[in-house]
Amino acid sequence: MRGVFLVAILGVAACTETEDEPPQVFELSAAAVVRAMYPGIDAPPVANCIVDNATATEIDTIATTNSEGDGVRFDMVRDVLARPETQTCIENNNVTFPERA
């Protein structure tokens, strides 16, 4: 019985340690939007910057909106990309956006 209790406590402790990190699905969803908007860009660092500077509601929208709502996702990503903190993060990761014709 004590062994089961100890395993349960360790399981809960392990969950609380990683709770501060956003789930990988958020970065993957943001990266997919970035790739669709800016083909050829190094999307993972940009996606990390987006997730780091987005609100919980924005992250949820980016991660859960279906493909029919891509316009909403694109608008949300554009809003987060426009923030000075996001721009600083992207610059610190040495990512440059391709020029649009």
Protein backbone atom coordinates (compact mmCIF):
# COMPACT_ATOMS: atom_id res chain seq x y z
CA MET A 1 0.00 0.00 0.00
CA ARG A 2 2.81 2.41 0.85
CA GLY A 3 4.44 1.70 -2.51
CA VAL A 4 1.28 2.71 -4.37
CA PHE A 5 1.02 5.90 -2.32
CA LEU A 6 4.68 6.76 -2.99
CA VAL A 7 4.26 6.18 -6.73
CA ALA A 8 1.16 8.40 -6.74
CA ILE A 9 3.00 11.22 -4.97
CA LEU A 10 5.96 10.99 -7.34
CA GLY A 11 3.59 11.05 -10.30
CA VAL A 12 1.90 14.21 -9.04
CA ALA A 13 5.27 15.82 -8.32
CA ALA A 14 6.46 15.02 -11.84
CA CYS A 15 3.35 16.62 -13.32
CA THR A 16 3.74 19.83 -11.37
CA GLU A 17 7.39 20.23 -12.39
CA THR A 18 6.64 20.37 -16.10
CA GLU A 19 3.41 22.34 -15.81
CA ASP A 20 5.24 25.65 -16.31
CA GLU A 21 6.35 24.63 -19.80
CA PRO A 22 3.77 24.98 -22.57
CA PRO A 23 2.81 21.73 -24.26
CA GLN A 24 4.69 21.04 -27.48
CA VAL A 25 1.42 21.14 -29.44
CA PHE A 26 1.38 24.93 -28.99
CA GLU A 27 4.79 25.35 -30.61
CA LEU A 28 3.90 22.89 -33.37
CA SER A 29 0.65 24.71 -34.13
CA ALA A 30 2.34 28.10 -34.15
CA ALA A 31 5.12 26.74 -36.36
CA ALA A 32 2.57 25.40 -38.85
CA VAL A 33 0.93 28.83 -39.09
CA VAL A 34 4.30 30.57 -39.45
CA ARG A 35 5.33 28.17 -42.26
CA ALA A 36 2.04 28.78 -44.06
CA MET A 37 2.40 32.55 -43.75
CA TYR A 38 6.13 32.78 -44.44
CA PRO A 39 7.38 29.83 -46.53
CA GLY A 40 11.09 29.19 -46.10
CA ILE A 41 11.39 30.78 -42.67
CA ASP A 42 13.04 29.01 -39.73
CA ALA A 43 9.69 28.44 -38.02
CA PRO A 44 10.55 26.71 -34.70
CA PRO A 45 12.33 29.66 -33.05
CA VAL A 46 9.62 32.04 -34.28
CA ALA A 47 6.95 29.71 -32.95
CA ASN A 48 8.66 29.62 -29.55
CA CYS A 49 8.70 33.42 -29.49
CA ILE A 50 5.02 33.52 -30.39
CA VAL A 51 4.07 31.08 -27.62
CA ASP A 52 6.25 32.93 -25.11
CA ASN A 53 4.56 36.26 -25.89
CA ALA A 54 0.96 35.22 -26.53
CA THR A 55 -1.83 35.16 -23.98
CA ALA A 56 -3.42 31.87 -22.96
CA THR A 57 -6.46 32.72 -25.10
CA GLU A 58 -4.29 33.47 -28.14
CA ILE A 59 -2.33 30.26 -27.72
CA ASP A 60 -5.56 28.29 -27.41
CA THR A 61 -6.92 29.87 -30.59
CA ILE A 62 -3.72 29.20 -32.53
CA ALA A 63 -3.59 25.59 -31.35
CA THR A 64 -7.25 24.64 -31.64
CA THR A 65 -8.78 26.55 -34.55
CA ASN A 66 -9.45 24.22 -37.47
CA SER A 67 -8.16 24.81 -40.97
CA GLU A 68 -11.38 26.56 -41.98
CA GLY A 69 -10.48 29.25 -39.45
CA ASP A 70 -6.94 29.81 -40.70
CA GLY A 71 -7.70 33.50 -41.20
CA VAL A 72 -8.32 33.80 -37.47
CA ARG A 73 -5.08 31.95 -36.71
CA PHE A 74 -3.11 34.09 -39.17
CA ASP A 75 -4.52 37.30 -37.68
CA MET A 76 -3.67 36.08 -34.18
CA VAL A 77 -0.09 35.24 -35.17
CA ARG A 78 0.30 38.62 -36.92
CA ASP A 79 -0.87 40.37 -33.74
CA VAL A 80 1.62 38.50 -31.57
CA LEU A 81 4.43 38.99 -34.11
CA ALA A 82 3.85 42.75 -34.02
CA ARG A 83 4.61 43.00 -30.31
CA PRO A 84 8.00 44.47 -29.40
CA GLU A 85 8.76 41.59 -27.04
CA THR A 86 8.14 39.07 -29.82
CA GLN A 87 10.29 41.04 -32.25
CA THR A 88 13.13 41.17 -29.71
CA CYS A 89 12.85 37.41 -29.16
CA ILE A 90 12.99 36.77 -32.91
CA GLU A 91 16.00 39.07 -33.32
CA ASN A 92 17.75 37.30 -30.43
CA ASN A 93 17.26 34.02 -32.32
CA ASN A 94 18.79 35.55 -35.48
CA VAL A 95 15.73 34.83 -37.61
CA THR A 96 15.01 37.09 -40.54
CA PHE A 97 11.77 37.16 -42.47
CA PRO A 98 11.91 36.88 -46.24
CA GLU A 99 11.13 40.01 -48.17
CA ARG A 100 7.70 40.07 -49.72
CA ALA A 101 7.36 41.31 -53.26
